[in-house]
Amino acid sequence: LKEEVARLNARKILHGIRRRSDLEEAPGAYKDIARVIDNQRDLIEVVV
C-alpha cells in the first residue's frame, strides 16, 4: 500500500487509494501501458 501510494504521490496525481482494498485498482495491478501500445503499432497510431 505505501509503495503504491508513494508512486502516485511522486507524480502529484490526486487519487483515491487509502486502504488495502483500494489496491485492486492500484497501478501495480496493471500491465505496462507503454508496452501494450508498442505491441499494437500495426493496429493503431497514437494521436495524443
ModelCIF file with pLDDT and N, C-alpha, C, O atoms, coordinates in Angstrom:
data_MODEL
#
_entry.id   MODEL 
#
_entity.id                         1 
_entity.type                       polymer 
_entity.pdbx_number_of_molecules   1 
#
_entity_poly.entity_id                      1 
_entity_poly.type                           'polypeptide(L)' 
_entity_poly.nstd_linkage                   no 
_entity_poly.nstd_monomer                   no 
_entity_poly.pdbx_seq_one_letter_code       LKEEVARLNARKILHGIRRRSDLEEAPGAYKDIARVIDNQRDLIEVVV 
_entity_poly.pdbx_seq_one_letter_code_can   LKEEVARLNARKILHGIRRRSDLEEAPGAYKDIARVIDNQRDLIEVVV 
_entity_poly.pdbx_strand_id                 A 
#
loop_
_entity_poly_seq.entity_id 
_entity_poly_seq.num 
_entity_poly_seq.mon_id 
_entity_poly_seq.hetero 
1 1  LEU n 
1 2  LYS n 
1 3  GLU n 
1 4  GLU n 
1 5  VAL n 
1 6  ALA n 
1 7  ARG n 
1 8  LEU n 
1 9  ASN n 
1 10 ALA n 
1 11 ARG n 
1 12 LYS n 
1 13 ILE n 
1 14 LEU n 
1 15 HIS n 
1 16 GLY n 
1 17 ILE n 
1 18 ARG n 
1 19 ARG n 
1 20 ARG n 
1 21 SER n 
1 22 ASP n 
1 23 LEU n 
1 24 GLU n 
1 25 GLU n 
1 26 ALA n 
1 27 PRO n 
1 28 GLY n 
1 29 ALA n 
1 30 TYR n 
1 31 LYS n 
1 32 ASP n 
1 33 ILE n 
1 34 ALA n 
1 35 ARG n 
1 36 VAL n 
1 37 ILE n 
1 38 ASP n 
1 39 ASN n 
1 40 GLN n 
1 41 ARG n 
1 42 ASP n 
1 43 LEU n 
1 44 ILE n 
1 45 GLU n 
1 46 VAL n 
1 47 VAL n 
1 48 VAL n 
#
_struct_asym.id          A 
_struct_asym.entity_id   1 
#
loop_
_ma_qa_metric.id 
_ma_qa_metric.mode 
_ma_qa_metric.name 
_ma_qa_metric.software_group_id 
_ma_qa_metric.type 
1 global pLDDT . pLDDT 
2 local  pLDDT . pLDDT 
#
_ma_qa_metric_global.metric_id      1 
_ma_qa_metric_global.metric_value   93.88 
_ma_qa_metric_global.model_id       1 
_ma_qa_metric_global.ordinal_id     1 
#
loop_
_ma_qa_metric_local.label_asym_id 
_ma_qa_metric_local.label_comp_id 
_ma_qa_metric_local.label_seq_id 
_ma_qa_metric_local.metric_id 
_ma_qa_metric_local.metric_value 
_ma_qa_metric_local.model_id 
_ma_qa_metric_local.ordinal_id 
A LEU 1  2 92.00 1 1  
A LYS 2  2 92.00 1 2  
A GLU 3  2 93.00 1 3  
A GLU 4  2 92.00 1 4  
A VAL 5  2 91.00 1 5  
A ALA 6  2 92.00 1 6  
A ARG 7  2 92.00 1 7  
A LEU 8  2 92.00 1 8  
A ASN 9  2 93.00 1 9  
A ALA 10 2 92.00 1 10 
A ARG 11 2 92.00 1 11 
A LYS 12 2 92.00 1 12 
A ILE 13 2 94.00 1 13 
A LEU 14 2 94.00 1 14 
A HIS 15 2 93.00 1 15 
A GLY 16 2 85.00 1 16 
A ILE 17 2 92.00 1 17 
A ARG 18 2 90.00 1 18 
A ARG 19 2 90.00 1 19 
A ARG 20 2 92.00 1 20 
A SER 21 2 91.00 1 21 
A ASP 22 2 91.00 1 22 
A LEU 23 2 91.00 1 23 
A GLU 24 2 92.00 1 24 
A GLU 25 2 93.00 1 25 
A ALA 26 2 92.00 1 26 
A PRO 27 2 92.00 1 27 
A GLY 28 2 93.00 1 28 
A ALA 29 2 92.00 1 29 
A TYR 30 2 94.00 1 30 
A LYS 31 2 94.00 1 31 
A ASP 32 2 95.00 1 32 
A ILE 33 2 97.00 1 33 
A ALA 34 2 96.00 1 34 
A ARG 35 2 97.00 1 35 
A VAL 36 2 97.00 1 36 
A ILE 37 2 98.00 1 37 
A ASP 38 2 97.00 1 38 
A ASN 39 2 97.00 1 39 
A GLN 40 2 98.00 1 40 
A ARG 41 2 98.00 1 41 
A ASP 42 2 98.00 1 42 
A LEU 43 2 98.00 1 43 
A ILE 44 2 98.00 1 44 
A GLU 45 2 98.00 1 45 
A VAL 46 2 98.00 1 46 
A VAL 47 2 98.00 1 47 
A VAL 48 2 98.00 1 48 
#
loop_
_atom_site.group_PDB 
_atom_site.id 
_atom_site.type_symbol 
_atom_site.label_atom_id 
_atom_site.label_alt_id 
_atom_site.label_comp_id 
_atom_site.label_asym_id 
_atom_site.label_entity_id 
_atom_site.label_seq_id 
_atom_site.pdbx_PDB_ins_code 
_atom_site.Cartn_x 
_atom_site.Cartn_y 
_atom_site.Cartn_z 
_atom_site.occupancy 
_atom_site.B_iso_or_equiv 
_atom_site.pdbx_formal_charge 
_atom_site.auth_seq_id 
_atom_site.auth_comp_id 
_atom_site.auth_asym_id 
_atom_site.auth_atom_id 
_atom_site.pdbx_PDB_model_num 
ATOM 1   N N  . LEU A 1 1  ? 0.826  -1.212 0.000   1.00 92.00 ? 1  LEU A N  1 
ATOM 2   C CA . LEU A 1 1  ? 0.000  0.000  0.000   1.00 92.00 ? 1  LEU A CA 1 
ATOM 3   C C  . LEU A 1 1  ? 0.860  1.262  0.000   1.00 92.00 ? 1  LEU A C  1 
ATOM 4   O O  . LEU A 1 1  ? 0.594  2.190  -0.763  1.00 92.00 ? 1  LEU A O  1 
ATOM 5   N N  . LYS A 1 2  ? 1.885  1.305  0.845   1.00 92.00 ? 2  LYS A N  1 
ATOM 6   C CA . LYS A 1 2  ? 2.725  2.503  0.926   1.00 92.00 ? 2  LYS A CA 1 
ATOM 7   C C  . LYS A 1 2  ? 3.447  2.761  -0.389  1.00 92.00 ? 2  LYS A C  1 
ATOM 8   O O  . LYS A 1 2  ? 3.566  3.907  -0.824  1.00 92.00 ? 2  LYS A O  1 
ATOM 9   N N  . GLU A 1 3  ? 3.926  1.697  -1.019  1.00 93.00 ? 3  GLU A N  1 
ATOM 10  C CA . GLU A 1 3  ? 4.637  1.863  -2.294  1.00 93.00 ? 3  GLU A CA 1 
ATOM 11  C C  . GLU A 1 3  ? 3.714  2.381  -3.383  1.00 93.00 ? 3  GLU A C  1 
ATOM 12  O O  . GLU A 1 3  ? 4.096  3.260  -4.157  1.00 93.00 ? 3  GLU A O  1 
ATOM 13  N N  . GLU A 1 4  ? 2.499  1.843  -3.449  1.00 92.00 ? 4  GLU A N  1 
ATOM 14  C CA . GLU A 1 4  ? 1.567  2.272  -4.496  1.00 92.00 ? 4  GLU A CA 1 
ATOM 15  C C  . GLU A 1 4  ? 1.141  3.724  -4.279  1.00 92.00 ? 4  GLU A C  1 
ATOM 16  O O  . GLU A 1 4  ? 1.027  4.483  -5.242  1.00 92.00 ? 4  GLU A O  1 
ATOM 17  N N  . VAL A 1 5  ? 0.908  4.112  -3.041  1.00 91.00 ? 5  VAL A N  1 
ATOM 18  C CA . VAL A 1 5  ? 0.544  5.498  -2.745  1.00 91.00 ? 5  VAL A CA 1 
ATOM 19  C C  . VAL A 1 5  ? 1.710  6.427  -3.071  1.00 91.00 ? 5  VAL A C  1 
ATOM 20  O O  . VAL A 1 5  ? 1.515  7.491  -3.658  1.00 91.00 ? 5  VAL A O  1 
ATOM 21  N N  . ALA A 1 6  ? 2.924  6.023  -2.688  1.00 92.00 ? 6  ALA A N  1 
ATOM 22  C CA . ALA A 1 6  ? 4.102  6.844  -2.968  1.00 92.00 ? 6  ALA A CA 1 
ATOM 23  C C  . ALA A 1 6  ? 4.309  7.017  -4.467  1.00 92.00 ? 6  ALA A C  1 
ATOM 24  O O  . ALA A 1 6  ? 4.717  8.083  -4.929  1.00 92.00 ? 6  ALA A O  1 
ATOM 25  N N  . ARG A 1 7  ? 4.026  5.972  -5.211  1.00 92.00 ? 7  ARG A N  1 
ATOM 26  C CA . ARG A 1 7  ? 4.176  6.007  -6.672  1.00 92.00 ? 7  ARG A CA 1 
ATOM 27  C C  . ARG A 1 7  ? 3.258  7.067  -7.290  1.00 92.00 ? 7  ARG A C  1 
ATOM 28  O O  . ARG A 1 7  ? 3.656  7.791  -8.202  1.00 92.00 ? 7  ARG A O  1 
ATOM 29  N N  . LEU A 1 8  ? 2.044  7.144  -6.788  1.00 92.00 ? 8  LEU A N  1 
ATOM 30  C CA . LEU A 1 8  ? 1.089  8.138  -7.292  1.00 92.00 ? 8  LEU A CA 1 
ATOM 31  C C  . LEU A 1 8  ? 1.432  9.538  -6.778  1.00 92.00 ? 8  LEU A C  1 
ATOM 32  O O  . LEU A 1 8  ? 1.371  10.516 -7.524  1.00 92.00 ? 8  LEU A O  1 
ATOM 33  N N  . ASN A 1 9  ? 1.791  9.621  -5.503  1.00 93.00 ? 9  ASN A N  1 
ATOM 34  C CA . ASN A 1 9  ? 2.132  10.930 -4.928  1.00 93.00 ? 9  ASN A CA 1 
ATOM 35  C C  . ASN A 1 9  ? 3.350  11.542 -5.592  1.00 93.00 ? 9  ASN A C  1 
ATOM 36  O O  . ASN A 1 9  ? 3.432  12.761 -5.743  1.00 93.00 ? 9  ASN A O  1 
ATOM 37  N N  . ALA A 1 10 ? 4.306  10.695 -5.993  1.00 92.00 ? 10 ALA A N  1 
ATOM 38  C CA . ALA A 1 10 ? 5.519  11.199 -6.640  1.00 92.00 ? 10 ALA A CA 1 
ATOM 39  C C  . ALA A 1 10 ? 5.202  11.905 -7.954  1.00 92.00 ? 10 ALA A C  1 
ATOM 40  O O  . ALA A 1 10 ? 5.897  12.830 -8.374  1.00 92.00 ? 10 ALA A O  1 
ATOM 41  N N  . ARG A 1 11 ? 4.125  11.435 -8.589  1.00 92.00 ? 11 ARG A N  1 
ATOM 42  C CA . ARG A 1 11 ? 3.723  12.070 -9.846  1.00 92.00 ? 11 ARG A CA 1 
ATOM 43  C C  . ARG A 1 11 ? 2.683  13.166 -9.627  1.00 92.00 ? 11 ARG A C  1 
ATOM 44  O O  . ARG A 1 11 ? 2.154  13.733 -10.583 1.00 92.00 ? 11 ARG A O  1 
ATOM 45  N N  . LYS A 1 12 ? 2.393  13.459 -8.346  1.00 92.00 ? 12 LYS A N  1 
ATOM 46  C CA . LYS A 1 12 ? 1.449  14.514 -7.956  1.00 92.00 ? 12 LYS A CA 1 
ATOM 47  C C  . LYS A 1 12 ? 0.060  14.278 -8.555  1.00 92.00 ? 12 LYS A C  1 
ATOM 48  O O  . LYS A 1 12 ? -0.623 15.213 -8.973  1.00 92.00 ? 12 LYS A O  1 
ATOM 49  N N  . ILE A 1 13 ? -0.339 12.994 -8.583  1.00 94.00 ? 13 ILE A N  1 
ATOM 50  C CA . ILE A 1 13 ? -1.668 12.615 -9.066  1.00 94.00 ? 13 ILE A CA 1 
ATOM 51  C C  . ILE A 1 13 ? -2.623 12.573 -7.879  1.00 94.00 ? 13 ILE A C  1 
ATOM 52  O O  . ILE A 1 13 ? -2.343 11.908 -6.881  1.00 94.00 ? 13 ILE A O  1 
ATOM 53  N N  . LEU A 1 14 ? -3.745 13.277 -7.977  1.00 94.00 ? 14 LEU A N  1 
ATOM 54  C CA . LEU A 1 14 ? -4.766 13.209 -6.939  1.00 94.00 ? 14 LEU A CA 1 
ATOM 55  C C  . LEU A 1 14 ? -5.548 11.918 -7.142  1.00 94.00 ? 14 LEU A C  1 
ATOM 56  O O  . LEU A 1 14 ? -6.164 11.726 -8.191  1.00 94.00 ? 14 LEU A O  1 
ATOM 57  N N  . HIS A 1 15 ? -5.529 11.038 -6.155  1.00 93.00 ? 15 HIS A N  1 
ATOM 58  C CA . HIS A 1 15 ? -6.063 9.692  -6.313  1.00 93.00 ? 15 HIS A CA 1 
ATOM 59  C C  . HIS A 1 15 ? -6.901 9.304  -5.106  1.00 93.00 ? 15 HIS A C  1 
ATOM 60  O O  . HIS A 1 15 ? -7.054 10.101 -4.180  1.00 93.00 ? 15 HIS A O  1 
ATOM 61  N N  . GLY A 1 16 ? -7.439 8.109  -5.100  1.00 85.00 ? 16 GLY A N  1 
ATOM 62  C CA . GLY A 1 16 ? -8.300 7.652  -4.020  1.00 85.00 ? 16 GLY A CA 1 
ATOM 63  C C  . GLY A 1 16 ? -7.810 6.406  -3.314  1.00 85.00 ? 16 GLY A C  1 
ATOM 64  O O  . GLY A 1 16 ? -8.597 5.739  -2.643  1.00 85.00 ? 16 GLY A O  1 
ATOM 65  N N  . ILE A 1 17 ? -6.535 6.068  -3.442  1.00 92.00 ? 17 ILE A N  1 
ATOM 66  C CA . ILE A 1 17 ? -6.026 4.867  -2.772  1.00 92.00 ? 17 ILE A CA 1 
ATOM 67  C C  . ILE A 1 17 ? -5.713 5.211  -1.313  1.00 92.00 ? 17 ILE A C  1 
ATOM 68  O O  . ILE A 1 17 ? -4.779 5.955  -1.014  1.00 92.00 ? 17 ILE A O  1 
ATOM 69  N N  . ARG A 1 18 ? -6.519 4.647  -0.426  1.00 90.00 ? 18 ARG A N  1 
ATOM 70  C CA . ARG A 1 18 ? -6.373 4.914  1.007   1.00 90.00 ? 18 ARG A CA 1 
ATOM 71  C C  . ARG A 1 18 ? -6.207 3.627  1.820   1.00 90.00 ? 18 ARG A C  1 
ATOM 72  O O  . ARG A 1 18 ? -5.480 3.598  2.813   1.00 90.00 ? 18 ARG A O  1 
ATOM 73  N N  . ARG A 1 19 ? -6.886 2.574  1.389   1.00 90.00 ? 19 ARG A N  1 
ATOM 74  C CA . ARG A 1 19 ? -6.934 1.326  2.155   1.00 90.00 ? 19 ARG A CA 1 
ATOM 75  C C  . ARG A 1 19 ? -6.418 0.171  1.307   1.00 90.00 ? 19 ARG A C  1 
ATOM 76  O O  . ARG A 1 19 ? -6.295 0.281  0.087   1.00 90.00 ? 19 ARG A O  1 
ATOM 77  N N  . ARG A 1 20 ? -6.118 -0.941 1.978   1.00 92.00 ? 20 ARG A N  1 
ATOM 78  C CA . ARG A 1 20 ? -5.632 -2.126 1.262   1.00 92.00 ? 20 ARG A CA 1 
ATOM 79  C C  . ARG A 1 20 ? -6.640 -2.575 0.206   1.00 92.00 ? 20 ARG A C  1 
ATOM 80  O O  . ARG A 1 20 ? -6.235 -3.037 -0.862  1.00 92.00 ? 20 ARG A O  1 
ATOM 81  N N  . SER A 1 21 ? -7.935 -2.454 0.473   1.00 91.00 ? 21 SER A N  1 
ATOM 82  C CA . SER A 1 21 ? -8.949 -2.863 -0.503  1.00 91.00 ? 21 SER A CA 1 
ATOM 83  C C  . SER A 1 21 ? -8.886 -2.044 -1.780  1.00 91.00 ? 21 SER A C  1 
ATOM 84  O O  . SER A 1 21 ? -9.353 -2.495 -2.826  1.00 91.00 ? 21 SER A O  1 
ATOM 85  N N  . ASP A 1 22 ? -8.314 -0.843 -1.711  1.00 91.00 ? 22 ASP A N  1 
ATOM 86  C CA . ASP A 1 22 ? -8.179 0.001  -2.909  1.00 91.00 ? 22 ASP A CA 1 
ATOM 87  C C  . ASP A 1 22 ? -7.092 -0.496 -3.854  1.00 91.00 ? 22 ASP A C  1 
ATOM 88  O O  . ASP A 1 22 ? -7.008 -0.054 -5.000  1.00 91.00 ? 22 ASP A O  1 
ATOM 89  N N  . LEU A 1 23 ? -6.255 -1.424 -3.368  1.00 91.00 ? 23 LEU A N  1 
ATOM 90  C CA . LEU A 1 23 ? -5.128 -1.884 -4.178  1.00 91.00 ? 23 LEU A CA 1 
ATOM 91  C C  . LEU A 1 23 ? -5.565 -2.670 -5.412  1.00 91.00 ? 23 LEU A C  1 
ATOM 92  O O  . LEU A 1 23 ? -4.766 -2.863 -6.329  1.00 91.00 ? 23 LEU A O  1 
ATOM 93  N N  . GLU A 1 24 ? -6.824 -3.129 -5.452  1.00 92.00 ? 24 GLU A N  1 
ATOM 94  C CA . GLU A 1 24 ? -7.270 -3.848 -6.643  1.00 92.00 ? 24 GLU A CA 1 
ATOM 95  C C  . GLU A 1 24 ? -7.232 -2.967 -7.881  1.00 92.00 ? 24 GLU A C  1 
ATOM 96  O O  . GLU A 1 24 ? -7.204 -3.477 -9.001  1.00 92.00 ? 24 GLU A O  1 
ATOM 97  N N  . GLU A 1 25 ? -7.230 -1.631 -7.694  1.00 93.00 ? 25 GLU A N  1 
ATOM 98  C CA . GLU A 1 25 ? -7.125 -0.712 -8.821  1.00 93.00 ? 25 GLU A CA 1 
ATOM 99  C C  . GLU A 1 25 ? -5.833 0.106  -8.774  1.00 93.00 ? 25 GLU A C  1 
ATOM 100 O O  . GLU A 1 25 ? -5.748 1.168  -9.389  1.00 93.00 ? 25 GLU A O  1 
ATOM 101 N N  . ALA A 1 26 ? -4.842 -0.381 -8.055  1.00 92.00 ? 26 ALA A N  1 
ATOM 102 C CA . ALA A 1 26 ? -3.546 0.306  -7.994  1.00 92.00 ? 26 ALA A CA 1 
ATOM 103 C C  . ALA A 1 26 ? -2.786 0.129  -9.306  1.00 92.00 ? 26 ALA A C  1 
ATOM 104 O O  . ALA A 1 26 ? -3.014 -0.847 -10.021 1.00 92.00 ? 26 ALA A O  1 
ATOM 105 N N  . PRO A 1 27 ? -1.889 1.057  -9.631  1.00 92.00 ? 27 PRO A N  1 
ATOM 106 C CA . PRO A 1 27 ? -1.103 0.927  -10.868 1.00 92.00 ? 27 PRO A CA 1 
ATOM 107 C C  . PRO A 1 27 ? -0.374 -0.409 -10.989 1.00 92.00 ? 27 PRO A C  1 
ATOM 108 O O  . PRO A 1 27 ? -0.236 -0.942 -12.090 1.00 92.00 ? 27 PRO A O  1 
ATOM 109 N N  . GLY A 1 28 ? 0.095  -0.955 -9.859  1.00 93.00 ? 28 GLY A N  1 
ATOM 110 C CA . GLY A 1 28 ? 0.829  -2.219 -9.884  1.00 93.00 ? 28 GLY A CA 1 
ATOM 111 C C  . GLY A 1 28 ? 0.002  -3.415 -10.295 1.00 93.00 ? 28 GLY A C  1 
ATOM 112 O O  . GLY A 1 28 ? 0.555  -4.476 -10.586 1.00 93.00 ? 28 GLY A O  1 
ATOM 113 N N  . ALA A 1 29 ? -1.329 -3.266 -10.325 1.00 92.00 ? 29 ALA A N  1 
ATOM 114 C CA . ALA A 1 29 ? -2.206 -4.358 -10.742 1.00 92.00 ? 29 ALA A CA 1 
ATOM 115 C C  . ALA A 1 29 ? -2.337 -4.444 -12.257 1.00 92.00 ? 29 ALA A C  1 
ATOM 116 O O  . ALA A 1 29 ? -2.962 -5.367 -12.779 1.00 92.00 ? 29 ALA A O  1 
ATOM 117 N N  . TYR A 1 30 ? -1.741 -3.469 -12.971 1.00 94.00 ? 30 TYR A N  1 
ATOM 118 C CA . TYR A 1 30 ? -1.929 -3.379 -14.421 1.00 94.00 ? 30 TYR A CA 1 
ATOM 119 C C  . TYR A 1 30 ? -0.626 -3.554 -15.196 1.00 94.00 ? 30 TYR A C  1 
ATOM 120 O O  . TYR A 1 30 ? 0.468  -3.342 -14.673 1.00 94.00 ? 30 TYR A O  1 
ATOM 121 N N  . LYS A 1 31 ? -0.778 -3.940 -16.437 1.00 94.00 ? 31 LYS A N  1 
ATOM 122 C CA . LYS A 1 31 ? 0.374  -4.087 -17.324 1.00 94.00 ? 31 LYS A CA 1 
ATOM 123 C C  . LYS A 1 31 ? 0.962  -2.716 -17.660 1.00 94.00 ? 31 LYS A C  1 
ATOM 124 O O  . LYS A 1 31 ? 0.331  -1.682 -17.443 1.00 94.00 ? 31 LYS A O  1 
ATOM 125 N N  . ASP A 1 32 ? 2.154  -2.732 -18.181 1.00 95.00 ? 32 ASP A N  1 
ATOM 126 C CA . ASP A 1 32 ? 2.837  -1.515 -18.625 1.00 95.00 ? 32 ASP A CA 1 
ATOM 127 C C  . ASP A 1 32 ? 2.144  -1.019 -19.893 1.00 95.00 ? 32 ASP A C  1 
ATOM 128 O O  . ASP A 1 32 ? 2.242  -1.651 -20.945 1.00 95.00 ? 32 ASP A O  1 
ATOM 129 N N  . ILE A 1 33 ? 1.447  0.105  -19.794 1.00 97.00 ? 33 ILE A N  1 
ATOM 130 C CA . ILE A 1 33 ? 0.663  0.604  -20.928 1.00 97.00 ? 33 ILE A CA 1 
ATOM 131 C C  . ILE A 1 33 ? 1.558  0.967  -22.113 1.00 97.00 ? 33 ILE A C  1 
ATOM 132 O O  . ILE A 1 33 ? 1.134  0.833  -23.260 1.00 97.00 ? 33 ILE A O  1 
ATOM 133 N N  . ALA A 1 34 ? 2.784  1.423  -21.860 1.00 96.00 ? 34 ALA A N  1 
ATOM 134 C CA . ALA A 1 34 ? 3.696  1.754  -22.962 1.00 96.00 ? 34 ALA A CA 1 
ATOM 135 C C  . ALA A 1 34 ? 4.015  0.516  -23.797 1.00 96.00 ? 34 ALA A C  1 
ATOM 136 O O  . ALA A 1 34 ? 4.072  0.582  -25.025 1.00 96.00 ? 34 ALA A O  1 
ATOM 137 N N  . ARG A 1 35 ? 4.220  -0.611 -23.118 1.00 97.00 ? 35 ARG A N  1 
ATOM 138 C CA . ARG A 1 35 ? 4.485  -1.858 -23.836 1.00 97.00 ? 35 ARG A CA 1 
ATOM 139 C C  . ARG A 1 35 ? 3.244  -2.326 -24.594 1.00 97.00 ? 35 ARG A C  1 
ATOM 140 O O  . ARG A 1 35 ? 3.342  -2.818 -25.718 1.00 97.00 ? 35 ARG A O  1 
ATOM 141 N N  . VAL A 1 36 ? 2.088  -2.168 -23.974 1.00 97.00 ? 36 VAL A N  1 
ATOM 142 C CA . VAL A 1 36 ? 0.829  -2.550 -24.635 1.00 97.00 ? 36 VAL A CA 1 
ATOM 143 C C  . VAL A 1 36 ? 0.652  -1.758 -25.928 1.00 97.00 ? 36 VAL A C  1 
ATOM 144 O O  . VAL A 1 36 ? 0.262  -2.312 -26.956 1.00 97.00 ? 36 VAL A O  1 
ATOM 145 N N  . ILE A 1 37 ? 0.937  -0.473 -25.870 1.00 98.00 ? 37 ILE A N  1 
ATOM 146 C CA . ILE A 1 37 ? 0.831  0.364  -27.072 1.00 98.00 ? 37 ILE A CA 1 
ATOM 147 C C  . ILE A 1 37 ? 1.855  -0.068 -28.115 1.00 98.00 ? 37 ILE A C  1 
ATOM 148 O O  . ILE A 1 37 ? 1.523  -0.185 -29.295 1.00 98.00 ? 37 ILE A O  1 
ATOM 149 N N  . ASP A 1 38 ? 3.087  -0.304 -27.698 1.00 97.00 ? 38 ASP A N  1 
ATOM 150 C CA . ASP A 1 38 ? 4.137  -0.711 -28.641 1.00 97.00 ? 38 ASP A CA 1 
ATOM 151 C C  . ASP A 1 38 ? 3.805  -2.027 -29.342 1.00 97.00 ? 38 ASP A C  1 
ATOM 152 O O  . ASP A 1 38 ? 4.145  -2.219 -30.510 1.00 97.00 ? 38 ASP A O  1 
ATOM 153 N N  . ASN A 1 39 ? 3.136  -2.933 -28.621 1.00 97.00 ? 39 ASN A N  1 
ATOM 154 C CA . ASN A 1 39 ? 2.810  -4.237 -29.200 1.00 97.00 ? 39 ASN A CA 1 
ATOM 155 C C  . ASN A 1 39 ? 1.725  -4.171 -30.269 1.00 97.00 ? 39 ASN A C  1 
ATOM 156 O O  . ASN A 1 39 ? 1.486  -5.158 -30.964 1.00 97.00 ? 39 ASN A O  1 
ATOM 157 N N  . GLN A 1 40 ? 1.069  -3.028 -30.410 1.00 98.00 ? 40 GLN A N  1 
ATOM 158 C CA . GLN A 1 40 ? -0.007 -2.929 -31.392 1.00 98.00 ? 40 GLN A CA 1 
ATOM 159 C C  . GLN A 1 40 ? 0.190  -1.744 -32.341 1.00 98.00 ? 40 GLN A C  1 
ATOM 160 O O  . GLN A 1 40 ? -0.774 -1.123 -32.788 1.00 98.00 ? 40 GLN A O  1 
ATOM 161 N N  . ARG A 1 41 ? 1.437  -1.449 -32.633 1.00 98.00 ? 41 ARG A N  1 
ATOM 162 C CA . ARG A 1 41 ? 1.730  -0.350 -33.558 1.00 98.00 ? 41 ARG A CA 1 
ATOM 163 C C  . ARG A 1 41 ? 1.244  -0.649 -34.972 1.00 98.00 ? 41 ARG A C  1 
ATOM 164 O O  . ARG A 1 41 ? 1.131  0.259  -35.796 1.00 98.00 ? 41 ARG A O  1 
ATOM 165 N N  . ASP A 1 42 ? 0.957  -1.923 -35.255 1.00 98.00 ? 42 ASP A N  1 
ATOM 166 C CA . ASP A 1 42 ? 0.400  -2.266 -36.564 1.00 98.00 ? 42 ASP A CA 1 
ATOM 167 C C  . ASP A 1 42 ? -1.122 -2.159 -36.572 1.00 98.00 ? 42 ASP A C  1 
ATOM 168 O O  . ASP A 1 42 ? -1.755 -2.406 -37.599 1.00 98.00 ? 42 ASP A O  1 
ATOM 169 N N  . LEU A 1 43 ? -1.715 -1.790 -35.433 1.00 98.00 ? 43 LEU A N  1 
ATOM 170 C CA . LEU A 1 43 ? -3.172 -1.662 -35.334 1.00 98.00 ? 43 LEU A CA 1 
ATOM 171 C C  . LEU A 1 43 ? -3.630 -0.217 -35.190 1.00 98.00 ? 43 LEU A C  1 
ATOM 172 O O  . LEU A 1 43 ? -4.711 0.155  -35.647 1.00 98.00 ? 43 LEU A O  1 
ATOM 173 N N  . ILE A 1 44 ? -2.786 0.595  -34.543 1.00 98.00 ? 44 ILE A N  1 
ATOM 174 C CA . ILE A 1 44 ? -3.175 1.982  -34.254 1.00 98.00 ? 44 ILE A CA 1 
ATOM 175 C C  . ILE A 1 44 ? -1.977 2.915  -34.345 1.00 98.00 ? 44 ILE A C  1 
ATOM 176 O O  . ILE A 1 44 ? -0.825 2.484  -34.298 1.00 98.00 ? 44 ILE A O  1 
ATOM 177 N N  . GLU A 1 45 ? -2.273 4.195  -34.474 1.00 98.00 ? 45 GLU A N  1 
ATOM 178 C CA . GLU A 1 45 ? -1.245 5.221  -34.296 1.00 98.00 ? 45 GLU A CA 1 
ATOM 179 C C  . GLU A 1 45 ? -1.717 6.154  -33.185 1.00 98.00 ? 45 GLU A C  1 
ATOM 180 O O  . GLU A 1 45 ? -2.906 6.458  -33.081 1.00 98.00 ? 45 GLU A O  1 
ATOM 181 N N  . VAL A 1 46 ? -0.785 6.602  -32.364 1.00 98.00 ? 46 VAL A N  1 
ATOM 182 C CA . VAL A 1 46 ? -1.129 7.483  -31.248 1.00 98.00 ? 46 VAL A CA 1 
ATOM 183 C C  . VAL A 1 46 ? -1.361 8.900  -31.759 1.00 98.00 ? 46 VAL A C  1 
ATOM 184 O O  . VAL A 1 46 ? -0.554 9.439  -32.517 1.00 98.00 ? 46 VAL A O  1 
ATOM 185 N N  . VAL A 1 47 ? -2.471 9.493  -31.335 1.00 98.00 ? 47 VAL A N  1 
ATOM 186 C CA . VAL A 1 47 ? -2.802 10.874 -31.698 1.00 98.00 ? 47 VAL A CA 1 
ATOM 187 C C  . VAL A 1 47 ? -2.394 11.818 -30.571 1.00 98.00 ? 47 VAL A C  1 
ATOM 188 O O  . VAL A 1 47 ? -1.720 12.820 -30.812 1.00 98.00 ? 47 VAL A O  1 
ATOM 189 N N  . VAL A 1 48 ? -2.800 11.501 -29.342 1.00 98.00 ? 48 VAL A N  1 
ATOM 190 C CA . VAL A 1 48 ? -2.450 12.320 -28.178 1.00 98.00 ? 48 VAL A CA 1 
ATOM 191 C C  . VAL A 1 48 ? -2.193 11.401 -26.983 1.00 98.00 ? 48 VAL A C  1 
ATOM 192 O O  . VAL A 1 48 ? -1.882 11.879 -25.892 1.00 98.00 ? 48 VAL A O  1 
#
